[in-house]
Structure formats: structure tokens, C-alpha cells
Amino acid sequence: MALRTNRATDLLGCDLPILLAGMGGVARSELVAAVTAAGGFGFLGMVREPTALIEREVEALRALGYGNFGVNIIPAATDCALLQRQVETLIELHVPVVALFWDIDTSVVARFRDAGIAVVYQVGSVDEAIAAERAGADMLIAQGVEAGGHVRGTRPLHELLPATVAAVSIPVLASGGLATGGDLLTSLALGAEGIVLGTALMATEEAFAHDDHKRRLLAAHASDTVLTDTFHINWPPGAPVRVLKSEVTAGQRGGSHADQRIVIGEEDGRPIFLFSTDSPLRSMTGDFGAMALYAGTGVGRIRDIVPAGARMRTIMADAEQFLAATEVTEAPSSASAVCYAGEMSGDYMGTLDGDEATSALGEIEGELLHVLGGVLGESKAARLDTPAFASDGYELAAWTLTLRDIAGPRERGRTNPQAGDPASLIRKLGDIAPRLPDGRPRDTLIALRQVLEERSASQLVRSLQLSLTS
């Protein structure tokens, strides 16, 4: 099946459904260019930046021959006069896409839309998604609580994403704690049309993050991140961030809302204050361990600093490998349709026609999505400092997408994937598979049934082992 073409990639003009988040300071022209060259789409992180820097970074991209890119600004975190200048500059530069975040600023959206600029809004709730669509946004980014940096919402991505897809008609991208090809597949299975990467692309050679920050990412795990309001200078109140734990987040550097401001670093003559939202950049000096060390919960799945293009190729190769495992050329010999005949009454022995087969395949896909939802929900439990998606769900996500590809287009995302019953789905596969004519759909259902049976057997063995050792 194709992983590359959908409404989001068409609108953005890119080949791969992988986007670079507009990380303030970190996402400069070098990183955006690398992501673009690899087939993705990148946002320049220009939050609170002077217009001269915006012009320079945009010109640098265009000088390299890249015309498809975006710029990220955040109205709520920007002085009104500077925001006005930023908006005017982006319109004058004819930037193709702008990303916005935090409060829904309808006037800014209208100005960009009137200028023919596409607007992508990052949201943290379903209500906010609906408001952004009504304001005129062309695309949304559903940001789970697992995200690094400023976090708008409170729900884990596996809940927020399908709920958002169900509530709006425009394309939705997934963000927060994502780092692997399996994460891409799971996001697509839950209704996203692409993923937005922050931490995974910060740990690259082209990112403008300081090497000290990058090294700390490689040593960290998901549980080393924390959601905190300690870093607040430069942002409106009530703006939590996910960062790596440090002396600052542990309260060992004093109260974060003290009147006195302490200088801990410098960038081109500008002081960097303790408790500010500035993260370590190449252009800075100072006490980097006391700065905001942004990291999402996918950080533990990143173990090397590589070129951005290499990271994206690895993600795509991993995703395609999972999908390749679902491609069945012929039904497994141990699970032939004859084996199912004794399980079924005479009512099930008739062959399904085209429309009936399509409907049945869609029903199977929906139930498999529920099983996937159960796996994802169980892995999260009450913890928010874990990766967005459990790796146990990657295989199920690949099978969900394969069934979706076979069944063809239909209405998606109208129900959230709740915990499903694998045993019930196994029985249904046994009922439906023999009624399909020979071919890919039938062979796929037979192979899926075998996969689910093997997963159930393995889970039973693990449960018995745990009971014996407890």
C-alpha cells in the first residue's frame, strides 16, 4: 500500500507524510532543507524571532531551491507589535504555509487565508480542533500530552487523535512522543494523514540545538521527561512544557516565580534567564543543564545523532517492513478455509458478493482497530511519561492499514477505538474468510487470524509465567 500520498501531502506538496515541527530556535533553514530533501515537509521555528531572521532563513531555503516549507509563529507568546511585523513579513514573502499554536487567533488566521497562505493549527483538544477548523485552518496537528516542548492538551495521543479525526473534516496530523516507523503506521491507523516530529529530528546533525542538548537526549528515556510549569519566562501563564528532568525541575535552583531574574547564559548579547523557555542552541553559551531541555516521551527510542534524511529513511523503511509482513501471496497452509468449515453453520457457507465482501472487510478493519485501541490503552494505563504508542501495537496497526487498503475508502474516524476482544475478532475472521472468493482479501483474513491466534497464545504464556513467579 502507498504510504506517501494523501490530502496532507497533496496540500503541502511533499512526498512523505513526515513533518518537522517548527521548534523555536532549533528548526532553522539547514534542518528544514534536510527534511525537504528527504521528501518531507519542514516548518521554520520563528517564535518571537525578529523579522530580519525570518527573511534570512526563508531566503536561505529559496536559495537552495526549496519552495515548499512553512513557518511557525505563536501569537499568544509574541508581543503584539512584533506579531504584527511577523505577519506582514510572512505575507510579503509569500510563504506558502504557516503553522500556529496555542490560543486560536481568528484574526491572524483570516489575514493569512486572505493572502492565500495555508494555515496549519496545532491543537490539544477536540473543542480547540473544531474552533480552529471554523476559524479557517486548512489542516490540524493533534498534539498528545507526550509531546516535548510546550504542551497544550492533557490527553494521550491514542485518545486525542481519533477523537479529533472524528470531529473535523480537514486533514489531521499526529504529534507527541513519536519516533519510529511503527509510530507512523499507528498514527495512520488511528486516522492521521501524517506525523510531526520534534525530538526525533532535534537529535540530528542539522538541528540548531546545542550539542549538549543533543547528547542529553541520547542518554534519556521516556521516564526521564517531566511535564512542568517551571520554565515560564517569555510565555503566557499556564503553559506547561515537557523537558528532561534536572536540578531545576526538582526545585534545587529555587522558586521559579521569584521576582529576581538570574542570568544563566547568553546569545548574541541577549541574556538567558533561569526559568525562561529558551532551550540550548548552537548560538548560546552558559549553564545548559539549567535551561529548558525539551524532549518528548519518544526520546528513549532515539540512540544516535544522524543526518535528518537518514532518520526519515529509517522511519519509512521500518514502516514498510511492518507492512511487507502483512502482504500474503497465498494463505498459510495451516489455516485453510477447510479448517473453518466445522465452526460454521449453513448460513455462513454462502459466498459474499462484492458489496457484501467490502462491507465485511470494513467491519473487520473496525474491530481490529478496537483491538489496537485496547493494546494502546493498556500500555498507557495511568502513566503519561511513556511513548505515545506501545511497540506491541505496531503489527496490529500494519494489519489495520492493509485491510483498509483492501476494503477501499469509507468513512473513517466516527468512533474512537476502544478496547476490543481479540477472541471475538478471531471467531469473526473464521466466519468470514471462507465466504470470500480466492484472492488477496481471503488470504489476508486467514493470515490475520493466524497472527491473532499466535499473539493470544503468547499472551497466555506470559500471563501464566507471571502467575507462577508471583
Protein backbone atom coordinates (compact mmCIF):
# COMPACT_ATOMS: atom_id res chain seq x y z
CA MET A 1 0.00 0.00 0.00
CA ALA A 2 1.08 3.59 -0.54
CA LEU A 3 2.37 5.48 2.49
CA ARG A 4 3.15 8.61 0.61
CA THR A 5 0.06 10.21 -0.90
CA ASN A 6 -2.94 11.67 0.91
CA ARG A 7 -4.67 15.00 1.40
CA ALA A 8 -1.93 16.31 3.68
CA THR A 9 0.96 15.55 1.34
CA ASP A 10 -1.01 16.95 -1.59
CA LEU A 11 -1.70 20.21 0.23
CA LEU A 12 1.89 20.57 1.44
CA GLY A 13 3.49 19.41 -1.79
CA CYS A 14 5.73 16.78 -0.20
CA ASP A 15 6.32 13.10 -0.91
CA LEU A 16 6.38 11.64 2.61
CA PRO A 17 3.84 12.08 5.43
CA ILE A 18 6.59 13.16 7.83
CA LEU A 19 6.82 16.77 9.02
CA LEU A 20 9.40 18.67 11.02
CA ALA A 21 7.86 20.53 13.94
CA GLY A 22 8.53 24.27 13.99
CA MET A 23 10.68 24.06 17.11
CA GLY A 24 11.64 27.56 18.20
CA GLY A 25 15.35 28.13 17.64
CA VAL A 26 16.03 24.51 16.67
CA ALA A 27 14.27 24.29 13.30
CA ARG A 28 16.34 26.59 11.11
CA SER A 29 16.90 26.51 7.36
CA GLU A 30 19.60 23.81 7.49
CA LEU A 31 17.25 21.32 9.16
CA VAL A 32 14.21 22.28 7.07
CA ALA A 33 16.28 21.85 3.91
CA ALA A 34 17.46 18.39 5.00
CA VAL A 35 13.91 17.25 5.78
CA THR A 36 12.66 18.65 2.46
CA ALA A 37 15.44 16.97 0.52
CA ALA A 38 14.43 13.65 2.06
CA GLY A 39 10.84 14.10 0.85
CA GLY A 40 9.24 15.51 3.99
CA PHE A 41 7.96 18.95 4.93
CA GLY A 42 9.53 21.35 7.43
CA PHE A 43 8.50 24.36 9.45
CA LEU A 44 10.98 27.06 10.37
CA GLY A 45 10.70 27.72 14.12
CA MET A 46 10.39 31.51 14.22
CA VAL A 47 8.58 32.01 17.54
CA ARG A 48 9.26 35.58 18.77
CA GLU A 49 12.10 35.93 16.25
CA PRO A 50 12.84 39.29 14.60
CA THR A 51 11.64 39.70 11.05
CA ALA A 52 15.21 40.04 9.80
CA LEU A 53 15.90 36.46 10.89
CA ILE A 54 12.68 35.25 9.26
CA GLU A 55 13.69 36.91 5.99
CA ARG A 56 17.19 35.44 6.18
CA GLU A 57 16.00 31.89 6.86
CA VAL A 58 13.34 31.99 4.15
CA GLU A 59 15.83 33.38 1.63
CA ALA A 60 18.34 30.66 2.58
CA LEU A 61 15.79 27.95 1.78
CA ARG A 62 14.81 29.52 -1.51
CA ALA A 63 18.44 29.97 -2.49
CA LEU A 64 18.79 26.19 -2.12
CA GLY A 65 15.84 25.70 -4.45
CA TYR A 66 13.24 24.73 -1.83
CA GLY A 67 9.85 26.37 -2.27
CA ASN A 68 7.64 24.08 -0.17
CA PHE A 69 8.13 24.87 3.51
CA GLY A 70 6.30 26.51 6.37
CA VAL A 71 6.98 28.98 9.16
CA ASN A 72 5.82 28.53 12.74
CA ILE A 73 4.83 31.52 14.87
CA ILE A 74 2.83 31.65 18.09
CA PRO A 75 0.63 34.72 18.52
CA ALA A 76 -0.08 34.20 22.23
CA ALA A 77 3.64 34.11 23.08
CA THR A 78 4.60 37.12 20.95
CA ASP A 79 4.49 40.83 21.68
CA CYS A 80 1.65 42.43 19.71
CA ALA A 81 3.89 44.81 17.78
CA LEU A 82 6.34 42.04 16.84
CA LEU A 83 3.48 39.73 15.90
CA GLN A 84 2.11 42.37 13.55
CA ARG A 85 5.52 42.71 11.88
CA GLN A 86 5.89 38.91 11.62
CA VAL A 87 2.51 38.51 9.94
CA GLU A 88 3.23 41.32 7.49
CA THR A 89 6.66 39.87 6.70
CA LEU A 90 5.32 36.36 6.04
CA ILE A 91 2.65 37.77 3.73
CA GLU A 92 5.21 39.90 1.87
CA LEU A 93 7.47 36.87 1.49
CA HIS A 94 4.57 34.81 0.09
CA VAL A 95 5.37 31.97 2.47
CA PRO A 96 3.22 29.00 1.33
CA VAL A 97 2.27 27.62 4.76
CA VAL A 98 2.13 28.99 8.30
CA ALA A 99 1.78 26.94 11.48
CA LEU A 100 0.09 28.45 14.54
CA PHE A 101 -0.22 27.22 18.11
CA TRP A 102 -1.80 27.94 21.49
CA ASP A 103 -4.89 30.22 21.60
CA ILE A 104 -6.98 30.23 18.42
CA ASP A 105 -6.33 33.66 16.92
CA THR A 106 -9.06 34.03 14.31
CA SER A 107 -7.82 37.40 13.05
CA VAL A 108 -4.35 36.03 12.27
CA VAL A 109 -5.85 33.02 10.51
CA ALA A 110 -8.04 35.32 8.42
CA ARG A 111 -5.11 37.50 7.39
CA PHE A 112 -3.09 34.53 6.19
CA ARG A 113 -6.04 32.93 4.41
CA ASP A 114 -6.86 36.22 2.66
CA ALA A 115 -3.25 36.32 1.46
CA GLY A 116 -3.50 32.81 0.01
CA ILE A 117 -1.33 31.23 2.72
CA ALA A 118 -2.36 27.80 4.02
CA VAL A 119 -2.77 27.59 7.80
CA VAL A 120 -1.91 24.58 9.95
CA TYR A 121 -3.06 24.81 13.59
CA GLN A 122 -1.68 22.66 16.39
CA VAL A 123 -4.36 21.81 18.95
CA GLY A 124 -4.61 19.96 22.24
CA SER A 125 -8.31 19.19 22.46
CA VAL A 126 -11.30 18.32 20.30
CA ASP A 127 -13.01 21.61 21.12
CA GLU A 128 -9.93 23.50 20.03
CA ALA A 129 -9.76 21.45 16.83
CA ILE A 130 -13.34 22.38 15.98
CA ALA A 131 -12.65 26.04 16.73
CA ALA A 132 -9.53 26.03 14.53
CA GLU A 133 -11.42 24.47 11.63
CA ARG A 134 -14.19 27.04 11.98
CA ALA A 135 -11.58 29.82 12.02
CA GLY A 136 -10.37 28.64 8.61
CA ALA A 137 -7.45 26.31 9.30
CA ASP A 138 -6.59 24.05 6.37
CA MET A 139 -5.02 21.31 8.48
CA LEU A 140 -4.62 20.40 12.15
CA ILE A 141 -1.91 18.88 14.30
CA ALA A 142 -3.31 16.88 17.20
CA GLN A 143 -0.71 17.19 19.95
CA GLY A 144 -0.74 14.49 22.61
CA VAL A 145 0.43 15.10 26.15
CA GLU A 146 3.53 13.05 25.31
CA ALA A 147 4.98 15.91 23.24
CA GLY A 148 8.17 17.73 24.12
CA GLY A 149 8.20 21.50 24.45
CA HIS A 150 5.01 23.41 25.16
CA VAL A 151 2.06 21.07 25.60
CA ARG A 152 -1.45 22.37 25.02
CA GLY A 153 -3.61 19.39 25.91
CA THR A 154 -3.93 16.82 28.65
CA ARG A 155 -4.94 13.68 26.76
CA PRO A 156 -2.64 10.93 25.48
CA LEU A 157 -2.30 10.87 21.72
CA HIS A 158 -4.02 7.49 21.27
CA GLU A 159 -7.20 9.10 22.66
CA LEU A 160 -6.91 12.62 21.24
CA LEU A 161 -6.00 11.68 17.68
CA PRO A 162 -9.02 9.53 16.69
CA ALA A 163 -11.38 11.85 18.57
CA THR A 164 -10.02 14.82 16.64
CA VAL A 165 -10.25 12.99 13.30
CA ALA A 166 -13.88 12.19 14.12
CA ALA A 167 -14.73 15.80 14.92
CA VAL A 168 -13.37 17.63 11.86
CA SER A 169 -13.33 17.28 8.08
CA ILE A 170 -9.87 18.67 7.34
CA PRO A 171 -6.66 16.58 7.45
CA VAL A 172 -5.20 15.84 10.89
CA LEU A 173 -1.55 15.15 11.67
CA ALA A 174 -0.29 13.39 14.81
CA SER A 175 2.30 14.82 17.19
CA GLY A 176 3.77 13.89 20.55
CA GLY A 177 6.17 11.11 21.57
CA LEU A 178 6.63 9.76 18.03
CA ALA A 179 9.96 8.48 16.72
CA THR A 180 9.62 5.25 14.71
CA GLY A 181 8.10 3.70 11.62
CA GLY A 182 5.69 1.86 13.88
CA ASP A 183 4.57 5.20 15.30
CA LEU A 184 3.88 6.39 11.76
CA LEU A 185 1.77 3.32 11.00
CA THR A 186 -0.15 3.59 14.26
CA SER A 187 -0.89 7.27 13.65
CA LEU A 188 -2.18 6.48 10.16
CA ALA A 189 -4.28 3.62 11.51
CA LEU A 190 -5.88 6.00 14.02
CA GLY A 191 -6.84 8.39 11.24
CA ALA A 192 -3.89 10.76 10.91
CA GLU A 193 -2.58 11.69 7.47
CA GLY A 194 0.97 12.17 8.68
CA ILE A 195 3.17 12.68 11.71
CA VAL A 196 5.02 15.70 13.07
CA LEU A 197 8.42 15.03 14.65
CA GLY A 198 10.22 17.22 17.15
CA THR A 199 12.65 15.35 19.40
CA ALA A 200 13.48 12.73 16.75
CA LEU A 201 14.62 15.48 14.38
CA MET A 202 16.28 17.56 17.09
CA ALA A 203 18.73 14.67 17.53
CA THR A 204 20.15 15.21 14.05
CA GLU A 205 23.26 16.80 12.63
CA GLU A 206 21.38 19.68 11.01
CA ALA A 207 19.31 20.75 14.04
CA PHE A 208 20.31 24.12 15.54
CA ALA A 209 20.10 22.68 19.05
CA HIS A 210 23.33 22.78 21.01
CA ASP A 211 25.36 19.55 21.04
CA ASP A 212 24.99 19.43 24.83
CA HIS A 213 21.21 19.17 24.46
CA LYS A 214 21.53 16.52 21.76
CA ARG A 215 23.85 14.39 23.93
CA ARG A 216 21.39 14.54 26.80
CA LEU A 217 18.64 13.27 24.51
CA LEU A 218 20.66 10.17 23.64
CA ALA A 219 21.08 9.26 27.31
CA ALA A 220 17.43 9.74 28.23
CA HIS A 221 14.36 7.51 28.45
CA ALA A 222 10.68 8.41 28.43
CA SER A 223 10.57 8.32 32.24
CA ASP A 224 13.34 10.95 32.31
CA THR A 225 10.87 13.53 30.97
CA VAL A 226 8.51 15.57 33.08
CA LEU A 227 5.62 17.94 32.39
CA THR A 228 6.20 21.13 34.36
CA ASP A 229 5.40 24.84 34.51
CA THR A 230 8.86 25.65 35.90
CA PHE A 231 10.01 27.20 32.61
CA HIS A 232 7.66 30.11 32.03
CA ILE A 233 9.52 33.35 31.27
CA ASN A 234 8.57 34.62 27.78
CA TRP A 235 5.26 32.73 27.69
CA PRO A 236 1.74 33.37 28.96
CA PRO A 237 0.86 31.75 32.33
CA GLY A 238 -0.47 28.21 32.47
CA ALA A 239 1.80 26.90 29.72
CA PRO A 240 3.35 23.58 30.79
CA VAL A 241 6.35 22.16 29.00
CA ARG A 242 7.78 18.64 28.75
CA VAL A 243 11.51 18.64 29.40
CA LEU A 244 14.22 16.33 30.70
CA LYS A 245 14.36 16.20 34.48
CA SER A 246 17.05 18.37 36.02
CA GLU A 247 18.05 20.25 39.16
CA VAL A 248 15.69 22.99 38.01
CA THR A 249 12.62 20.74 37.67
CA ALA A 250 13.49 19.17 41.05
CA GLY A 251 13.32 22.60 42.70
CA GLN A 252 17.01 22.70 43.57
CA ARG A 253 17.56 26.07 41.89
CA GLY A 254 14.91 27.92 43.89
CA GLY A 255 11.36 29.01 43.21
CA SER A 256 10.59 29.60 39.56
CA HIS A 257 8.37 32.63 40.19
CA ALA A 258 10.78 34.66 42.30
CA ASP A 259 11.00 38.37 41.46
CA GLN A 260 14.76 38.32 40.90
CA ARG A 261 15.90 37.11 37.49
CA ILE A 262 19.13 35.13 37.33
CA VAL A 263 21.23 35.13 34.17
CA ILE A 264 22.47 31.63 33.24
CA GLY A 265 23.54 32.18 29.64
CA GLU A 266 23.89 34.49 26.69
CA GLU A 267 23.06 34.61 22.99
CA ASP A 268 24.46 37.43 20.86
CA GLY A 269 24.36 39.79 23.81
CA ARG A 270 20.89 38.72 24.92
CA PRO A 271 20.74 37.30 28.47
CA ILE A 272 19.22 33.86 29.02
CA PHE A 273 17.40 33.75 32.33
CA LEU A 274 16.88 30.84 34.69
CA PHE A 275 13.30 29.54 34.26
CA SER A 276 12.98 31.03 30.76
CA THR A 277 11.60 28.93 27.90
CA ASP A 278 14.87 29.21 25.96
CA SER A 279 16.46 25.86 25.12
CA PRO A 280 20.19 25.42 24.44
CA LEU A 281 21.16 26.45 20.90
CA ARG A 282 24.41 26.45 18.94
CA SER A 283 24.50 30.24 19.26
CA MET A 284 24.34 30.19 23.09
CA THR A 285 26.79 29.90 25.92
CA GLY A 286 26.03 29.24 29.56
CA ASP A 287 24.68 26.68 32.00
CA PHE A 288 22.87 24.40 29.54
CA GLY A 289 21.77 21.91 32.19
CA ALA A 290 19.68 24.65 33.82
CA MET A 291 17.89 25.57 30.59
CA ALA A 292 14.70 24.06 29.20
CA LEU A 293 15.84 20.69 27.84
CA TYR A 294 12.82 19.92 25.70
CA ALA A 295 12.13 16.26 24.97
CA GLY A 296 9.06 14.18 24.13
CA THR A 297 8.43 10.72 25.50
CA GLY A 298 9.72 9.10 22.32
CA VAL A 299 13.22 10.15 23.38
CA GLY A 300 14.14 6.66 24.60
CA ARG A 301 13.78 5.31 21.06
CA ILE A 302 16.49 7.68 19.78
CA ARG A 303 20.05 6.49 20.35
CA ASP A 304 22.23 8.29 17.82
CA ILE A 305 22.81 11.63 16.13
CA VAL A 306 22.35 11.15 12.38
CA PRO A 307 21.55 13.30 9.35
CA ALA A 308 17.85 14.18 9.27
CA GLY A 309 17.43 12.42 5.94
CA ALA A 310 18.84 9.21 7.39
CA ARG A 311 16.39 9.34 10.31
CA MET A 312 13.47 9.79 7.93
CA ARG A 313 14.63 6.96 5.70
CA THR A 314 14.88 4.67 8.71
CA ILE A 315 11.37 5.56 9.80
CA MET A 316 9.98 4.87 6.33
CA ALA A 317 11.94 1.62 5.97
CA ASP A 318 10.68 0.38 9.35
CA ALA A 319 7.10 1.23 8.42
CA GLU A 320 7.37 -0.51 5.07
CA GLN A 321 8.90 -3.58 6.73
CA PHE A 322 5.87 -3.93 9.02
CA LEU A 323 3.57 -3.55 6.03
CA ALA A 324 5.53 -6.06 3.99
CA ALA A 325 4.89 -8.67 6.69
CA THR A 326 1.14 -8.31 6.03
CA GLU A 327 1.41 -8.95 2.30
CA VAL A 328 0.20 -12.52 1.78
CA THR A 329 0.82 -14.20 -1.57
CA GLU A 330 -1.12 -17.30 -0.57
CA ALA A 331 -3.00 -18.43 2.50
CA PRO A 332 -0.97 -20.21 5.21
CA SER A 333 -1.32 -23.95 4.73
CA SER A 334 -2.12 -24.47 8.41
CA ALA A 335 -5.12 -22.15 8.24
CA SER A 336 -7.00 -23.16 5.13
CA ALA A 337 -10.67 -22.43 4.69
CA VAL A 338 -11.43 -26.14 5.15
CA CYS A 339 -10.27 -25.83 8.77
CA TYR A 340 -13.05 -23.34 9.40
CA ALA A 341 -15.89 -25.34 7.90
CA GLY A 342 -16.70 -27.22 11.10
CA GLU A 343 -17.03 -23.94 13.02
CA MET A 344 -19.79 -22.52 10.86
CA SER A 345 -23.48 -23.11 10.42
CA GLY A 346 -25.02 -23.49 6.97
CA ASP A 347 -25.97 -19.81 6.99
CA TYR A 348 -22.32 -18.87 6.66
CA MET A 349 -21.42 -21.13 3.77
CA GLY A 350 -22.63 -18.81 1.00
CA THR A 351 -20.11 -16.69 -0.87
CA LEU A 352 -20.25 -12.95 -0.28
CA ASP A 353 -20.77 -10.74 -3.32
CA GLY A 354 -18.67 -7.62 -4.00
CA ASP A 355 -20.56 -5.12 -1.82
CA GLU A 356 -21.05 -7.65 0.97
CA ALA A 357 -17.36 -8.56 0.91
CA THR A 358 -16.34 -4.90 1.06
CA SER A 359 -18.70 -4.31 3.98
CA ALA A 360 -17.38 -7.37 5.80
CA LEU A 361 -13.77 -6.30 5.31
CA GLY A 362 -14.60 -2.84 6.62
CA GLU A 363 -16.23 -4.39 9.67
CA ILE A 364 -13.15 -6.50 10.31
CA GLU A 365 -10.94 -3.44 9.98
CA GLY A 366 -13.07 -1.58 12.51
CA GLU A 367 -12.90 -4.41 15.03
CA LEU A 368 -9.14 -4.74 14.56
CA LEU A 369 -8.87 -1.01 15.25
CA HIS A 370 -10.70 -1.62 18.52
CA VAL A 371 -8.23 -4.37 19.41
CA LEU A 372 -5.39 -1.96 18.63
CA GLY A 373 -7.05 0.65 20.83
CA GLY A 374 -7.14 -1.84 23.68
CA VAL A 375 -3.41 -2.56 23.33
CA LEU A 376 -2.58 1.16 23.28
CA GLY A 377 -4.81 1.98 26.23
CA GLU A 378 -3.47 -0.88 28.33
CA SER A 379 0.11 0.20 27.72
CA LYS A 380 -0.57 3.76 28.86
CA ALA A 381 -2.58 2.92 31.98
CA ALA A 382 -2.28 5.95 34.28
CA ARG A 383 1.23 6.95 33.14
CA LEU A 384 1.81 9.91 30.86
CA ASP A 385 5.61 9.61 30.76
CA THR A 386 5.65 6.74 28.27
CA PRO A 387 5.95 6.79 24.46
CA ALA A 388 2.77 7.65 22.62
CA PHE A 389 2.30 4.14 21.22
CA ALA A 390 3.35 0.75 22.55
CA SER A 391 5.52 -1.21 20.15
CA ASP A 392 3.16 -4.16 20.73
CA GLY A 393 0.64 -2.29 18.61
CA TYR A 394 2.82 -1.72 15.56
CA GLU A 395 1.97 -5.08 13.99
CA LEU A 396 -1.77 -4.53 14.51
CA ALA A 397 -1.52 -1.05 13.00
CA ALA A 398 0.10 -2.50 9.88
CA TRP A 399 -2.67 -5.10 9.52
CA THR A 400 -5.30 -2.38 10.03
CA LEU A 401 -3.84 -0.33 7.19
CA THR A 402 -3.59 -3.37 4.93
CA LEU A 403 -7.27 -4.19 5.50
CA ARG A 404 -8.15 -0.55 4.87
CA ASP A 405 -6.24 -0.70 1.60
CA ILE A 406 -8.11 -3.84 0.53
CA ALA A 407 -11.56 -2.66 1.62
CA GLY A 408 -11.22 0.68 -0.13
CA PRO A 409 -12.25 4.17 1.02
CA ARG A 410 -15.04 4.57 3.52
CA GLU A 411 -16.00 6.93 6.32
CA ARG A 412 -13.28 6.97 8.95
CA GLY A 413 -12.89 8.06 12.48
CA ARG A 414 -16.54 8.30 13.50
CA THR A 415 -15.90 6.21 16.60
CA ASN A 416 -12.90 6.17 18.89
CA PRO A 417 -11.05 2.86 19.03
CA GLN A 418 -11.99 1.35 22.39
CA ALA A 419 -10.72 -1.89 23.81
CA GLY A 420 -11.71 -4.75 21.53
CA ASP A 421 -11.95 -8.50 22.13
CA PRO A 422 -9.32 -10.43 20.14
CA ALA A 423 -11.18 -13.72 20.69
CA SER A 424 -14.35 -12.29 19.16
CA LEU A 425 -12.40 -11.00 16.18
CA ILE A 426 -10.71 -14.38 15.70
CA ARG A 427 -14.12 -16.04 15.56
CA LYS A 428 -15.43 -13.48 13.09
CA LEU A 429 -12.41 -13.98 10.84
CA GLY A 430 -13.18 -17.70 10.90
CA ASP A 431 -16.74 -16.96 9.82
CA ILE A 432 -15.97 -14.52 7.02
CA ALA A 433 -12.75 -15.75 5.40
CA PRO A 434 -14.24 -18.95 3.87
CA ARG A 435 -17.07 -16.94 2.31
CA LEU A 436 -14.70 -14.77 0.28
CA PRO A 437 -13.57 -15.90 -3.17
CA ASP A 438 -9.98 -16.98 -3.58
CA GLY A 439 -7.64 -14.00 -3.69
CA ARG A 440 -5.87 -11.39 -1.60
CA PRO A 441 -8.78 -10.44 0.72
CA ARG A 442 -9.43 -14.04 1.72
CA ASP A 443 -5.75 -14.90 2.16
CA THR A 444 -5.22 -11.74 4.21
CA LEU A 445 -8.02 -12.59 6.64
CA ILE A 446 -6.73 -16.14 7.06
CA ALA A 447 -3.20 -14.85 7.75
CA LEU A 448 -4.51 -12.22 10.17
CA ARG A 449 -6.42 -14.86 12.09
CA GLN A 450 -3.26 -16.89 12.49
CA VAL A 451 -1.36 -13.80 13.72
CA LEU A 452 -4.03 -13.04 16.30
CA GLU A 453 -4.11 -16.64 17.49
CA GLU A 454 -0.34 -16.62 17.93
CA ARG A 455 -0.48 -13.30 19.82
CA SER A 456 -3.21 -14.65 22.11
CA ALA A 457 -1.22 -17.80 22.78
CA SER A 458 1.92 -15.80 23.59
CA GLN A 459 -0.04 -13.52 25.91
CA LEU A 460 -1.48 -16.54 27.72
CA VAL A 461 2.00 -17.98 28.23
CA ARG A 462 3.26 -14.67 29.63
CA SER A 463 0.30 -14.48 32.00
CA LEU A 464 0.96 -18.00 33.26
CA GLN A 465 4.64 -17.23 33.77
CA LEU A 466 3.79 -14.11 35.74
CA SER A 467 1.31 -16.00 37.93
CA LEU A 468 3.89 -18.72 38.66
CA THR A 469 6.56 -16.22 39.67
CA SER A 470 4.28 -14.01 41.77
